C-alpha atoms as a PDB file:
ATOM      1  CA  MET A   1     -12.219 -26.468   6.200  1.00  0.00           C
ATOM      2  CA  ALA A   2      -9.872 -24.499   3.958  1.00  0.00           C
ATOM      3  CA  ALA A   3     -10.791 -24.279   0.294  1.00  0.00           C
ATOM      4  CA  SER A   4      -8.803 -26.307  -2.233  1.00  0.00           C
ATOM      5  CA  ASN A   5      -6.334 -24.702  -4.590  1.00  0.00           C
ATOM      6  CA  ASP A   6      -8.823 -25.449  -7.383  1.00  0.00           C
ATOM      7  CA  ALA A   7     -11.424 -23.285  -5.626  1.00  0.00           C
ATOM      8  CA  LEU A   8      -8.858 -20.619  -4.924  1.00  0.00           C
ATOM      9  CA  GLY A   9      -7.971 -20.673  -8.619  1.00  0.00           C
ATOM     10  CA  ILE A  10     -11.528 -19.596  -9.349  1.00  0.00           C
ATOM     11  CA  GLY A  11     -11.089 -16.714  -6.924  1.00  0.00           C
ATOM     12  CA  LEU A  12      -7.779 -15.753  -8.511  1.00  0.00           C
ATOM     13  CA  LEU A  13      -9.429 -15.715 -11.941  1.00  0.00           C
ATOM     14  CA  GLY A  14     -12.115 -13.407 -10.577  1.00  0.00           C
ATOM     15  CA  PHE A  15      -9.453 -11.166  -9.074  1.00  0.00           C
ATOM     16  CA  ARG A  16      -7.596 -11.001 -12.382  1.00  0.00           C
ATOM     17  CA  GLN A  17     -10.808  -9.988 -14.108  1.00  0.00           C
ATOM     18  CA  ALA A  18     -11.447  -7.313 -11.467  1.00  0.00           C
ATOM     19  CA  VAL A  19      -7.925  -5.955 -11.940  1.00  0.00           C
ATOM     20  CA  ALA A  20      -8.511  -5.682 -15.686  1.00  0.00           C
ATOM     21  CA  GLU A  21     -12.036  -4.294 -15.528  1.00  0.00           C
ATOM     22  CA  ARG A  22     -11.315  -1.768 -12.765  1.00  0.00           C
ATOM     23  CA  ASP A  23      -7.798  -0.920 -13.999  1.00  0.00           C
ATOM     24  CA  LEU A  24      -6.351  -1.542 -10.531  1.00  0.00           C
ATOM     25  CA  GLY A  25      -2.695  -1.538 -11.576  1.00  0.00           C
ATOM     26  CA  VAL A  26      -1.815  -4.708  -9.652  1.00  0.00           C
ATOM     27  CA  GLU A  27       1.601  -6.091 -10.629  1.00  0.00           C
ATOM     28  CA  GLY A  28       1.633  -9.314  -8.621  1.00  0.00           C
ATOM     29  CA  ILE A  29      -0.349 -11.321  -6.063  1.00  0.00           C
ATOM     30  CA  HIS A  30       0.818 -14.053  -3.698  1.00  0.00           C
ATOM     31  CA  ILE A  31      -1.637 -16.074  -1.590  1.00  0.00           C
ATOM     32  CA  ALA A  32      -0.359 -18.250   1.250  1.00  0.00           C
ATOM     33  CA  ARG A  33      -2.524 -20.566   3.349  1.00  0.00           C
ATOM     34  CA  GLU A  34      -1.660 -23.076   6.015  1.00  0.00           C
ATOM     35  CA  GLY A  35      -1.653 -26.600   4.636  1.00  0.00           C
ATOM     36  CA  HIS A  36      -1.527 -25.568   0.965  1.00  0.00           C
ATOM     37  CA  ASP A  37       1.058 -24.623  -1.586  1.00  0.00           C
ATOM     38  CA  PRO A  38       1.118 -20.891  -2.310  1.00  0.00           C
ATOM     39  CA  VAL A  39      -0.815 -19.548  -5.276  1.00  0.00           C
ATOM     40  CA  ALA A  40       0.565 -16.586  -7.214  1.00  0.00           C
ATOM     41  CA  PHE A  41       0.102 -14.647 -10.428  1.00  0.00           C
ATOM     42  CA  ARG A  42       2.075 -11.834 -12.009  1.00  0.00           C
ATOM     43  CA  TRP A  43       1.235  -9.132 -14.509  1.00  0.00           C
ATOM     44  CA  VAL A  44       4.867  -7.934 -14.737  1.00  0.00           C
ATOM     45  CA  SER A  45       8.245  -9.478 -13.903  1.00  0.00           C
ATOM     46  CA  ASP A  46       8.885 -10.048 -10.187  1.00  0.00           C
ATOM     47  CA  ASP A  47      11.594  -7.458  -9.669  1.00  0.00           C
ATOM     48  CA  ARG A  48      12.346  -5.784  -6.391  1.00  0.00           C
ATOM     49  CA  ARG A  49      10.461  -2.527  -6.121  1.00  0.00           C
ATOM     50  CA  GLU A  50       9.765   0.256  -3.664  1.00  0.00           C
ATOM     51  CA  VAL A  51       7.175  -0.986  -1.163  1.00  0.00           C
ATOM     52  CA  TYR A  52       6.574   2.429   0.417  1.00  0.00           C
ATOM     53  CA  SER A  53       4.890   2.211   3.839  1.00  0.00           C
ATOM     54  CA  VAL A  54       5.110  -1.569   3.983  1.00  0.00           C
ATOM     55  CA  SER A  55       8.597  -0.533   5.143  1.00  0.00           C
ATOM     56  CA  LYS A  56       6.989   0.769   8.335  1.00  0.00           C
ATOM     57  CA  THR A  57       5.945  -2.719   9.422  1.00  0.00           C
ATOM     58  CA  PHE A  58       9.516  -3.957   8.983  1.00  0.00           C
ATOM     59  CA  THR A  59      10.608  -1.015  11.141  1.00  0.00           C
ATOM     60  CA  SER A  60       8.106  -2.045  13.808  1.00  0.00           C
ATOM     61  CA  VAL A  61       9.446  -5.599  13.708  1.00  0.00           C
ATOM     62  CA  ALA A  62      12.960  -4.209  14.262  1.00  0.00           C
ATOM     63  CA  VAL A  63      11.688  -2.452  17.389  1.00  0.00           C
ATOM     64  CA  GLY A  64      10.141  -5.681  18.685  1.00  0.00           C
ATOM     65  CA  ILE A  65      13.356  -7.604  18.126  1.00  0.00           C
ATOM     66  CA  ALA A  66      15.413  -4.859  19.794  1.00  0.00           C
ATOM     67  CA  GLN A  67      13.089  -4.928  22.774  1.00  0.00           C
ATOM     68  CA  ALA A  68      13.526  -8.694  23.098  1.00  0.00           C
ATOM     69  CA  GLU A  69      17.296  -8.187  23.121  1.00  0.00           C
ATOM     70  CA  GLY A  70      17.055  -5.679  25.953  1.00  0.00           C
ATOM     71  CA  LEU A  71      18.127  -2.720  23.833  1.00  0.00           C
ATOM     72  CA  LEU A  72      14.988  -0.656  24.472  1.00  0.00           C
ATOM     73  CA  GLU A  73      11.491  -0.640  25.937  1.00  0.00           C
ATOM     74  CA  LEU A  74       8.395   0.735  24.258  1.00  0.00           C
ATOM     75  CA  ASP A  75       7.833   3.257  27.027  1.00  0.00           C
ATOM     76  CA  ASP A  76      11.392   4.580  26.905  1.00  0.00           C
ATOM     77  CA  ARG A  77      11.499   8.287  26.213  1.00  0.00           C
ATOM     78  CA  VAL A  78      12.811   9.090  22.767  1.00  0.00           C
ATOM     79  CA  LEU A  79      15.405  11.517  24.089  1.00  0.00           C
ATOM     80  CA  SER A  80      16.873   8.832  26.358  1.00  0.00           C
ATOM     81  CA  HIS A  81      18.117   7.149  23.168  1.00  0.00           C
ATOM     82  CA  LEU A  82      18.861  10.362  21.259  1.00  0.00           C
ATOM     83  CA  PRO A  83      20.253  12.615  24.014  1.00  0.00           C
ATOM     84  CA  GLN A  84      22.238  14.693  21.526  1.00  0.00           C
ATOM     85  CA  PHE A  85      18.963  16.438  20.613  1.00  0.00           C
ATOM     86  CA  ALA A  86      17.854  17.244  24.166  1.00  0.00           C
ATOM     87  CA  ASP A  87      19.017  20.854  24.079  1.00  0.00           C
ATOM     88  CA  ALA A  88      17.258  21.535  20.771  1.00  0.00           C
ATOM     89  CA  ALA A  89      14.032  19.691  21.660  1.00  0.00           C
ATOM     90  CA  ALA A  90      10.838  21.714  21.836  1.00  0.00           C
ATOM     91  CA  SER A  91       8.930  21.946  25.094  1.00  0.00           C
ATOM     92  CA  GLY A  92       6.787  18.835  25.579  1.00  0.00           C
ATOM     93  CA  VAL A  93       8.947  16.543  23.469  1.00  0.00           C
ATOM     94  CA  GLN A  94      10.569  15.226  26.645  1.00  0.00           C
ATOM     95  CA  GLU A  95       7.465  13.098  27.267  1.00  0.00           C
ATOM     96  CA  MET A  96       7.503  11.425  23.844  1.00  0.00           C
ATOM     97  CA  THR A  97       8.099   7.666  23.934  1.00  0.00           C
ATOM     98  CA  ILE A  98       8.925   4.942  21.429  1.00  0.00           C
ATOM     99  CA  ARG A  99       5.321   3.750  21.734  1.00  0.00           C
ATOM    100  CA  HIS A 100       4.111   7.182  20.631  1.00  0.00           C
ATOM    101  CA  LEU A 101       6.267   6.942  17.507  1.00  0.00           C
ATOM    102  CA  LEU A 102       4.951   3.441  16.738  1.00  0.00           C
ATOM    103  CA  THR A 103       1.310   4.542  17.020  1.00  0.00           C
ATOM    104  CA  MET A 104       1.820   7.864  15.167  1.00  0.00           C
ATOM    105  CA  THR A 105       0.780   9.762  18.280  1.00  0.00           C
ATOM    106  CA  ALA A 106       4.001  11.690  18.868  1.00  0.00           C
ATOM    107  CA  GLY A 107       1.992  14.905  18.711  1.00  0.00           C
ATOM    108  CA  ILE A 108       4.268  16.623  16.171  1.00  0.00           C
ATOM    109  CA  ASP A 109       2.879  17.715  12.816  1.00  0.00           C
ATOM    110  CA  TYR A 110       6.164  17.662  10.915  1.00  0.00           C
ATOM    111  CA  ARG A 111       6.522  16.607   7.289  1.00  0.00           C
ATOM    112  CA  TRP A 112       9.704  15.788   5.414  1.00  0.00           C
ATOM    113  CA  ASP A 113       8.695  17.524   2.192  1.00  0.00           C
ATOM    114  CA  ASP A 114      11.713  17.102  -0.112  1.00  0.00           C
ATOM    115  CA  PRO A 115      10.560  14.547  -2.735  1.00  0.00           C
ATOM    116  CA  ASP A 116      14.062  13.067  -2.976  1.00  0.00           C
ATOM    117  CA  PHE A 117      14.661  13.220   0.800  1.00  0.00           C
ATOM    118  CA  ASP A 118      17.782  15.285   0.189  1.00  0.00           C
ATOM    119  CA  HIS A 119      17.380  17.052   3.498  1.00  0.00           C
ATOM    120  CA  PRO A 120      19.897  19.612   4.764  1.00  0.00           C
ATOM    121  CA  GLY A 121      20.939  19.249   8.359  1.00  0.00           C
ATOM    122  CA  ASP A 122      19.505  16.508  10.556  1.00  0.00           C
ATOM    123  CA  PRO A 123      15.816  15.619  10.052  1.00  0.00           C
ATOM    124  CA  ALA A 124      15.665  14.002  13.497  1.00  0.00           C
ATOM    125  CA  GLU A 125      16.670  17.292  15.095  1.00  0.00           C
ATOM    126  CA  ASP A 126      14.182  19.179  12.936  1.00  0.00           C
ATOM    127  CA  PHE A 127      11.383  16.846  14.014  1.00  0.00           C
ATOM    128  CA  LEU A 128      12.232  17.004  17.712  1.00  0.00           C
ATOM    129  CA  SER A 129      12.664  20.770  17.696  1.00  0.00           C
ATOM    130  CA  THR A 130       9.185  21.325  16.193  1.00  0.00           C
ATOM    131  CA  ALA A 131       6.665  22.582  18.733  1.00  0.00           C
ATOM    132  CA  PRO A 132       4.104  19.803  19.384  1.00  0.00           C
ATOM    133  CA  HIS A 133       0.617  20.237  17.986  1.00  0.00           C
ATOM    134  CA  ALA A 134      -0.687  18.190  20.922  1.00  0.00           C
ATOM    135  CA  ALA A 135       0.629  16.291  23.920  1.00  0.00           C
ATOM    136  CA  PRO A 136       2.235  12.949  23.015  1.00  0.00           C
ATOM    137  CA  GLY A 137      -0.361  10.201  23.038  1.00  0.00           C
ATOM    138  CA  SER A 138      -3.355  12.476  22.509  1.00  0.00           C
ATOM    139  CA  TRP A 139      -3.422  13.019  18.730  1.00  0.00           C
ATOM    140  CA  PHE A 140      -2.935  10.760  15.691  1.00  0.00           C
ATOM    141  CA  ALA A 141      -0.959  12.146  12.752  1.00  0.00           C
ATOM    142  CA  TYR A 142       0.350   9.782  10.098  1.00  0.00           C
ATOM    143  CA  ARG A 143       3.856  11.143   9.528  1.00  0.00           C
ATOM    144  CA  GLY A 144       6.772   9.129   8.179  1.00  0.00           C
ATOM    145  CA  THR A 145       9.251  10.975  10.333  1.00  0.00           C
ATOM    146  CA  ASN A 146       7.953   8.943  13.297  1.00  0.00           C
ATOM    147  CA  SER A 147       9.305   5.852  11.544  1.00  0.00           C
ATOM    148  CA  TYR A 148      12.557   7.586  10.682  1.00  0.00           C
ATOM    149  CA  LEU A 149      13.055   8.400  14.377  1.00  0.00           C
ATOM    150  CA  LEU A 150      12.582   4.716  15.165  1.00  0.00           C
ATOM    151  CA  SER A 151      15.309   3.898  12.645  1.00  0.00           C
ATOM    152  CA  ARG A 152      17.586   6.371  14.404  1.00  0.00           C
ATOM    153  CA  ILE A 153      16.769   4.820  17.795  1.00  0.00           C
ATOM    154  CA  ILE A 154      17.554   1.301  16.523  1.00  0.00           C
ATOM    155  CA  ALA A 155      20.888   2.597  15.208  1.00  0.00           C
ATOM    156  CA  ALA A 156      21.680   4.330  18.497  1.00  0.00           C
ATOM    157  CA  ALA A 157      20.692   1.341  20.652  1.00  0.00           C
ATOM    158  CA  SER A 158      22.347  -1.360  18.553  1.00  0.00           C
ATOM    159  CA  GLY A 159      25.289   0.437  16.966  1.00  0.00           C
ATOM    160  CA  GLN A 160      24.087  -0.683  13.513  1.00  0.00           C
ATOM    161  CA  ASP A 161      21.944   0.874  10.847  1.00  0.00           C
ATOM    162  CA  MET A 162      18.472  -0.667  11.029  1.00  0.00           C
ATOM    163  CA  ARG A 163      18.785  -2.546   7.728  1.00  0.00           C
ATOM    164  CA  ASP A 164      22.062  -4.080   8.918  1.00  0.00           C
ATOM    165  CA  PHE A 165      20.526  -4.845  12.332  1.00  0.00           C
ATOM    166  CA  LEU A 166      17.757  -6.804  10.584  1.00  0.00           C
ATOM    167  CA  MET A 167      20.006  -8.761   8.213  1.00  0.00           C
ATOM    168  CA  PRO A 168      20.941 -11.677  10.543  1.00  0.00           C
ATOM    169  CA  ARG A 169      17.789 -11.388  12.648  1.00  0.00           C
ATOM    170  CA  LEU A 170      15.088 -11.249   9.955  1.00  0.00           C
ATOM    171  CA  PHE A 171      16.166 -10.930   6.334  1.00  0.00           C
ATOM    172  CA  THR A 172      18.646 -13.814   6.242  1.00  0.00           C
ATOM    173  CA  PRO A 173      16.363 -16.295   8.045  1.00  0.00           C
ATOM    174  CA  LEU A 174      13.578 -15.344   5.622  1.00  0.00           C
ATOM    175  CA  GLN A 175      15.997 -15.832   2.700  1.00  0.00           C
ATOM    176  CA  ILE A 176      15.648 -12.217   1.624  1.00  0.00           C
ATOM    177  CA  GLY A 177      19.152 -11.739   0.291  1.00  0.00           C
ATOM    178  CA  ASN A 178      20.789  -8.317   0.331  1.00  0.00           C
ATOM    179  CA  PRO A 179      17.642  -6.143   0.388  1.00  0.00           C
ATOM    180  CA  GLN A 180      18.247  -2.457  -0.214  1.00  0.00           C
ATOM    181  CA  TRP A 181      16.716   0.245   1.954  1.00  0.00           C
ATOM    182  CA  LEU A 182      16.953   3.883   0.912  1.00  0.00           C
ATOM    183  CA  ARG A 183      18.908   5.987   3.379  1.00  0.00           C
ATOM    184  CA  CYS A 184      18.833   9.617   4.355  1.00  0.00           C
ATOM    185  CA  PRO A 185      21.818  11.856   3.504  1.00  0.00           C
ATOM    186  CA  LEU A 186      23.249  11.015   6.947  1.00  0.00           C
ATOM    187  CA  GLY A 187      23.270   7.294   6.101  1.00  0.00           C
ATOM    188  CA  TYR A 188      20.324   6.011   8.149  1.00  0.00           C
ATOM    189  CA  SER A 189      17.612   3.725   6.735  1.00  0.00           C
ATOM    190  CA  MET A 190      14.518   5.796   6.038  1.00  0.00           C
ATOM    191  CA  GLY A 191      12.227   3.597   8.111  1.00  0.00           C
ATOM    192  CA  ALA A 192       8.949   4.905   6.706  1.00  0.00           C
ATOM    193  CA  LEU A 193       9.623   3.893   3.121  1.00  0.00           C
ATOM    194  CA  GLY A 194      12.408   2.957   0.739  1.00  0.00           C
ATOM    195  CA  LEU A 195      12.649  -0.789   1.317  1.00  0.00           C
ATOM    196  CA  GLN A 196      12.970  -2.714  -1.971  1.00  0.00           C
ATOM    197  CA  LEU A 197      11.259  -6.133  -2.050  1.00  0.00           C
ATOM    198  CA  ARG A 198       9.527  -8.631  -4.319  1.00  0.00           C
ATOM    199  CA  THR A 199       5.876  -9.529  -3.759  1.00  0.00           C
ATOM    200  CA  GLU A 200       6.766 -12.949  -2.414  1.00  0.00           C
ATOM    201  CA  GLU A 201       9.386 -11.479  -0.069  1.00  0.00           C
ATOM    202  CA  ILE A 202       6.719  -9.289   1.519  1.00  0.00           C
ATOM    203  CA  ALA A 203       4.662 -12.463   1.948  1.00  0.00           C
ATOM    204  CA  ARG A 204       7.474 -14.125   3.897  1.00  0.00           C
ATOM    205  CA  LEU A 205       7.134 -11.574   6.671  1.00  0.00           C
ATOM    206  CA  GLY A 206       3.340 -11.818   6.465  1.00  0.00           C
ATOM    207  CA  ILE A 207       3.447 -15.594   6.945  1.00  0.00           C
ATOM    208  CA  THR A 208       5.835 -15.136   9.869  1.00  0.00           C
ATOM    209  CA  LEU A 209       3.483 -12.641  11.516  1.00  0.00           C
ATOM    210  CA  LEU A 210       0.545 -14.981  10.868  1.00  0.00           C
ATOM    211  CA  HIS A 211       2.489 -17.540  12.933  1.00  0.00           C
ATOM    212  CA  ARG A 212       3.068 -14.986  15.710  1.00  0.00           C
ATOM    213  CA  GLY A 213       6.671 -14.347  14.701  1.00  0.00           C
ATOM    214  CA  ALA A 214       7.782 -17.955  14.170  1.00  0.00           C
ATOM    215  CA  HIS A 215       9.514 -19.172  11.011  1.00  0.00           C
ATOM    216  CA  GLN A 216      10.565 -22.776  10.448  1.00  0.00           C
ATOM    217  CA  GLY A 217      10.737 -23.471  14.161  1.00  0.00           C
ATOM    218  CA  ARG A 218      12.653 -20.298  15.018  1.00  0.00           C
ATOM    219  CA  GLN A 219      11.072 -17.360  16.829  1.00  0.00           C
ATOM    220  CA  LEU A 220      12.214 -14.365  14.771  1.00  0.00           C
ATOM    221  CA  VAL A 221       9.833 -11.817  16.306  1.00  0.00           C
ATOM    222  CA  PRO A 222       8.533 -12.137  19.884  1.00  0.00           C
ATOM    223  CA  ALA A 223       4.985 -13.531  19.830  1.00  0.00           C
ATOM    224  CA  GLU A 224       3.839 -11.043  22.443  1.00  0.00           C
ATOM    225  CA  TYR A 225       5.069  -8.171  20.298  1.00  0.00           C
ATOM    226  CA  VAL A 226       3.245  -9.493  17.221  1.00  0.00           C
ATOM    227  CA  ASP A 227       0.058  -9.649  19.299  1.00  0.00           C
ATOM    228  CA  LEU A 228       0.618  -6.059  20.372  1.00  0.00           C
ATOM    229  CA  MET A 229       1.193  -4.921  16.781  1.00  0.00           C
ATOM    230  CA  HIS A 230      -2.423  -5.662  15.898  1.00  0.00           C
ATOM    231  CA  GLY A 231      -3.905  -5.333  19.386  1.00  0.00           C
ATOM    232  CA  PRO A 232      -5.412  -2.056  20.634  1.00  0.00           C
ATOM    233  CA  SER A 233      -5.478   0.510  17.845  1.00  0.00           C
ATOM    234  CA  ILE A 234      -5.803   4.227  17.198  1.00  0.00           C
ATOM    235  CA  ALA A 235      -8.701   5.663  15.199  1.00  0.00           C
ATOM    236  CA  SER A 236      -7.691   7.224  11.886  1.00  0.00           C
ATOM    237  CA  ASP A 237      -9.424   9.801   9.735  1.00  0.00           C
ATOM    238  CA  LEU A 238      -7.126   9.372   6.728  1.00  0.00           C
ATOM    239  CA  GLU A 239      -9.115   9.679   3.531  1.00  0.00           C
ATOM    240  CA  GLY A 240      -9.256   6.513   1.440  1.00  0.00           C
ATOM    241  CA  VAL A 241      -7.584   4.342   4.108  1.00  0.00           C
ATOM    242  CA  GLU A 242      -9.572   1.568   5.760  1.00  0.00           C
ATOM    243  CA  GLY A 243      -9.375   0.809   9.463  1.00  0.00           C
ATOM    244  CA  SER A 244      -7.442   1.880  12.538  1.00  0.00           C
ATOM    245  CA  TYR A 245      -3.742   1.961  13.362  1.00  0.00           C
ATOM    246  CA  GLY A 246      -1.699  -0.446  15.463  1.00  0.00           C
ATOM    247  CA  LEU A 247       2.081  -0.519  15.858  1.00  0.00           C
ATOM    248  CA  HIS A 248       3.054   0.490  12.314  1.00  0.00           C
ATOM    249  CA  CYS A 249       0.372  -1.684  10.738  1.00  0.00           C
ATOM    250  CA  TRP A 250      -3.329  -1.265  10.006  1.00  0.00           C
ATOM    251  CA  HIS A 251      -6.401  -3.029  11.380  1.00  0.00           C
ATOM    252  CA  CYS A 252      -8.840  -3.879   8.614  1.00  0.00           C
ATOM    253  CA  ALA A 253     -12.561  -3.285   9.083  1.00  0.00           C
ATOM    254  CA  ARG A 254     -13.326  -6.820   7.891  1.00  0.00           C
ATOM    255  CA  ASP A 255     -12.696 -10.382   9.094  1.00  0.00           C
ATOM    256  CA  ASP A 256     -10.489  -9.279  12.007  1.00  0.00           C
ATOM    257  CA  ALA A 257      -7.696  -9.005   9.430  1.00  0.00           C
ATOM    258  CA  TRP A 258      -4.722  -6.676   9.664  1.00  0.00           C
ATOM    259  CA  ARG A 259      -2.226  -5.496   7.106  1.00  0.00           C
ATOM    260  CA  MET A 260       0.957  -3.891   5.927  1.00  0.00           C
ATOM    261  CA  ASP A 261      -0.074  -1.001   3.680  1.00  0.00           C
ATOM    262  CA  GLY A 262       2.010   1.047   1.252  1.00  0.00           C
ATOM    263  CA  LEU A 263       1.334   3.828  -1.208  1.00  0.00           C
ATOM    264  CA  TYR A 264      -0.050   2.889  -4.649  1.00  0.00           C
ATOM    265  CA  GLY A 265      -1.359  -0.470  -3.451  1.00  0.00           C
ATOM    266  CA  GLN A 266       1.364  -2.434  -1.669  1.00  0.00           C
ATOM    267  CA  PHE A 267      -0.429  -4.787   0.722  1.00  0.00           C
ATOM    268  CA  CYS A 268       0.085  -7.847   2.838  1.00  0.00           C
ATOM    269  CA  VAL A 269      -3.235  -8.710   4.472  1.00  0.00           C
ATOM    270  CA  ILE A 270      -3.064 -11.213   7.324  1.00  0.00           C
ATOM    271  CA  PHE A 271      -6.203 -13.277   7.965  1.00  0.00           C
ATOM    272  CA  PRO A 272      -5.932 -14.939  11.403  1.00  0.00           C
ATOM    273  CA  HIS A 273      -9.235 -16.836  11.148  1.00  0.00           C
ATOM    274  CA  GLN A 274      -8.627 -18.161   7.631  1.00  0.00           C
ATOM    275  CA  ARG A 275      -4.940 -18.813   8.481  1.00  0.00           C
ATOM    276  CA  ALA A 276      -3.824 -17.048   5.327  1.00  0.00           C
ATOM    277  CA  CYS A 277      -2.138 -13.950   4.014  1.00  0.00           C
ATOM    278  CA  VAL A 278      -2.581 -12.197   0.690  1.00  0.00           C
ATOM    279  CA  SER A 279       0.213  -9.979  -0.646  1.00  0.00           C
ATOM    280  CA  VAL A 280       0.009  -7.654  -3.625  1.00  0.00           C
ATOM    281  CA  THR A 281       2.272  -5.078  -5.225  1.00  0.00           C
ATOM    282  CA  SER A 282       0.756  -2.445  -7.481  1.00  0.00           C
ATOM    283  CA  HIS A 283       0.887   0.991  -8.961  1.00  0.00           C
ATOM    284  CA  TYR A 284      -2.591   2.453  -8.520  1.00  0.00           C
ATOM    285  CA  GLU A 285      -3.027   6.186  -8.099  1.00  0.00           C
ATOM    286  CA  ARG A 286      -6.650   6.182  -6.953  1.00  0.00           C
ATOM    287  CA  PRO A 287      -7.882   5.107  -3.463  1.00  0.00           C
ATOM    288  CA  THR A 288      -6.179   1.797  -2.820  1.00  0.00           C
ATOM    289  CA  VAL A 289      -9.131   0.514  -0.802  1.00  0.00           C
ATOM    290  CA  ASP A 290     -10.359  -0.433  -4.303  1.00  0.00           C
ATOM    291  CA  ILE A 291      -7.713  -3.170  -4.333  1.00  0.00           C
ATOM    292  CA  LEU A 292      -8.736  -4.328  -0.866  1.00  0.00           C
ATOM    293  CA  ASP A 293     -12.343  -4.490  -2.043  1.00  0.00           C
ATOM    294  CA  ALA A 294     -11.293  -6.716  -4.953  1.00  0.00           C
ATOM    295  CA  ILE A 295      -9.393  -9.007  -2.564  1.00  0.00           C
ATOM    296  CA  TRP A 296     -12.451  -9.349  -0.356  1.00  0.00           C
ATOM    297  CA  ASP A 297     -14.843  -9.755  -3.278  1.00  0.00           C
ATOM    298  CA  GLU A 298     -12.858 -12.361  -5.177  1.00  0.00           C
ATOM    299  CA  ILE A 299     -10.176 -13.985  -2.983  1.00  0.00           C
ATOM    300  CA  VAL A 300     -11.456 -14.063   0.594  1.00  0.00           C
ATOM    301  CA  PRO A 301     -14.527 -16.264  -0.110  1.00  0.00           C
ATOM    302  CA  HIS A 302     -12.142 -18.969  -1.367  1.00  0.00           C
ATOM    303  CA  LEU A 303      -9.579 -18.899   1.453  1.00  0.00           C
END
C-alpha cells in the first residue's frame, strides 16, 4: 500500500535536512505518486532553467514518436537520413544507425568543445567525418553530439526542427507552453542539452513515461518504445554516474528505477514498482549521485 502524504511529508522533511546538511544545492523537488496529490518543495523560485542532459530523454522521446509516425526506424543508417554528408563521412560511419546514436555506441570519440556552442561549419559533418574509435555498436562513449545528430535526423525526416516537431505531439498535450531549446548556429535544437524547463514540467514527462507513454487517456509516446528506453542497457564507466545506459536515459542500480539525468543534479527518477516519480532541479558541482543517495535515504522509504 502506498504511503500517505503525511508519511511522505516526513520523508520530505528528512530530504530538506539532508540538502542543508550536505549542501546539495537542490532548488526544487516534485514527487508524484499514483492515487495521491503531488508533493513539492522549493528552495528558489520555480523559473525555467537549463536542464542539461535531461534534454536527451526528450530527444529520445522525439525519436520514438517519429518512429510511430513512420518517419524512421531505429536500425536505419544515419547517412540514409543525412545523405548530404555521405561523401565526407569517414570509413566505417556507413554502418552507424539511429540505435547506435541513442545508446551512445556510435563509435566516434568526438567532442563539441566550444563552451558557447558557437561552432564554425557544420558540427554534424565534423562528427561524421571523424575516424571511428571503434566499430558502431562495440564501444560506449557518452558524447552529446550523438544527441545532436538525432535532432538533425528528426529535422530531416519531419521537415521541422525537433522542438517544433514536439510542440503539438508532446509539449502542448503536457501543457508545457512555449518551451525554449537552445539551437546551434545553423538553427537546429541542440538535442543533448539546452532545453529550458521548470521542475514540475520535467515531472510531467516522467509521469507520462511511468504510464508507458500515456497522458490523460492519450498515447503520446508508444508504449513499446518506452519499454525499450529502459530495457536492455549498455554498461558505463563514467565516474560519479550510477547505473547503465538505455535509450538516452539511465538505469539506476536500485529498485529497478530509471531516470533522466542532467549535469549539476537535474533528475527525474521513475519508480515502476512504487508507481512514482521524483524530480529535482539543482546546482551541485560535486558528484550528483549524492543527490540520488539523499532521495533513496529520505524519500524512497515513504513512497
